[in-house]
Amino acid sequence: MLFASLGGLLTLVGAVWLVVIAIQTGQTNGEKVIWALVNFLCQPLGGIVFYIVKREGLIPLIFVLIGSLLLGFGNYSFMMDMMNQMPR
């Protein structure tokens, strides 16, 4: 449960940080809105694409990737504990 909570928090912080960077680096209002939505709704893939295209936001992208891994590991271990407690 701890890994999932920490992973969710890291992912959220990284995603919001990427949204702020997207708004700061956008040329037009439309570009700012599109990158902000992509970064907030499509993590971690949106963050990877944003970094490849814009070459901005490496540290928040690392936060998102580590957070996603921790979230997946925490959810996997929690589900395995639940499966082991089920009657056979």
Protein backbone atom coordinates (compact mmCIF):
# COMPACT_ATOMS: atom_id res chain seq x y z
CA MET A 1 0.00 0.00 0.00
CA LEU A 2 2.89 2.34 0.76
CA PHE A 3 4.45 1.86 -2.68
CA ALA A 4 1.14 2.55 -4.41
CA SER A 5 0.54 5.71 -2.38
CA LEU A 6 4.05 7.02 -2.95
CA GLY A 7 3.85 6.12 -6.65
CA GLY A 8 0.52 7.89 -7.06
CA LEU A 9 1.88 10.99 -5.35
CA LEU A 10 5.03 11.06 -7.49
CA THR A 11 2.99 10.57 -10.65
CA LEU A 12 0.62 13.38 -9.71
CA VAL A 13 3.44 15.80 -8.83
CA GLY A 14 5.29 15.00 -12.07
CA ALA A 15 2.13 15.36 -14.16
CA VAL A 16 1.23 18.74 -12.67
CA TRP A 17 4.83 19.89 -13.08
CA LEU A 18 4.74 18.86 -16.75
CA VAL A 19 1.47 20.77 -17.21
CA VAL A 20 3.11 23.91 -15.79
CA ILE A 21 6.12 23.48 -18.10
CA ALA A 22 3.79 22.93 -21.07
CA ILE A 23 1.93 26.15 -20.30
CA GLN A 24 5.18 28.09 -19.86
CA THR A 25 6.81 26.85 -23.07
CA GLY A 26 3.83 26.92 -25.43
CA GLN A 27 3.93 29.41 -28.29
CA THR A 28 0.18 29.91 -28.76
CA ASN A 29 -2.80 29.43 -26.47
CA GLY A 30 -3.95 26.40 -28.46
CA GLU A 31 -0.56 24.74 -28.16
CA LYS A 32 -0.50 25.43 -24.42
CA VAL A 33 -3.94 23.88 -23.91
CA ILE A 34 -3.22 20.81 -26.03
CA TRP A 35 0.11 20.05 -24.34
CA ALA A 36 -1.39 20.68 -20.90
CA LEU A 37 -4.24 18.23 -21.57
CA VAL A 38 -1.92 15.62 -23.08
CA ASN A 39 0.43 15.89 -20.11
CA PHE A 40 -2.30 15.64 -17.51
CA LEU A 41 -4.56 13.00 -19.06
CA CYS A 42 -2.11 10.69 -20.87
CA GLN A 43 0.67 9.97 -18.41
CA PRO A 44 3.32 8.54 -18.76
CA LEU A 45 3.07 8.35 -22.55
CA GLY A 46 2.10 12.02 -22.88
CA GLY A 47 5.12 13.09 -20.85
CA ILE A 48 7.45 10.98 -22.99
CA VAL A 49 6.06 12.48 -26.21
CA PHE A 50 6.26 15.99 -24.75
CA TYR A 51 9.90 15.48 -23.80
CA ILE A 52 10.81 14.09 -27.23
CA VAL A 53 9.09 16.94 -29.08
CA LYS A 54 9.94 19.89 -26.81
CA ARG A 55 13.15 18.71 -25.08
CA GLU A 56 11.76 20.14 -21.83
CA GLY A 57 10.73 18.54 -18.54
CA LEU A 58 13.16 15.68 -17.97
CA ILE A 59 13.00 15.79 -14.15
CA PRO A 60 9.19 15.74 -13.92
CA LEU A 61 9.15 12.97 -16.54
CA ILE A 62 11.48 10.94 -14.32
CA PHE A 63 9.08 11.57 -11.40
CA VAL A 64 6.19 10.28 -13.51
CA LEU A 65 8.07 7.18 -14.67
CA ILE A 66 9.31 6.24 -11.18
CA GLY A 67 5.86 6.97 -9.75
CA SER A 68 4.20 4.76 -12.36
CA LEU A 69 6.57 1.90 -11.59
CA LEU A 70 5.98 2.23 -7.84
CA LEU A 71 2.23 2.45 -8.39
CA GLY A 72 2.25 -0.70 -10.51
CA PHE A 73 4.44 -2.59 -8.03
CA GLY A 74 2.31 -1.49 -5.08
CA ASN A 75 -0.92 -2.50 -6.78
CA TYR A 76 0.56 -5.85 -7.83
CA SER A 77 1.76 -6.68 -4.32
CA PHE A 78 -1.57 -5.58 -2.81
CA MET A 79 -3.52 -7.78 -5.21
CA MET A 80 -1.23 -10.74 -4.53
CA ASP A 81 -1.86 -10.35 -0.80
CA MET A 82 -5.59 -10.24 -1.43
CA MET A 83 -5.43 -13.37 -3.62
CA ASN A 84 -3.47 -15.24 -0.95
CA GLN A 85 -6.09 -14.40 1.70
CA MET A 86 -8.98 -15.77 -0.36
CA PRO A 87 -10.38 -19.14 0.68
CA ARG A 88 -9.36 -22.04 -1.51
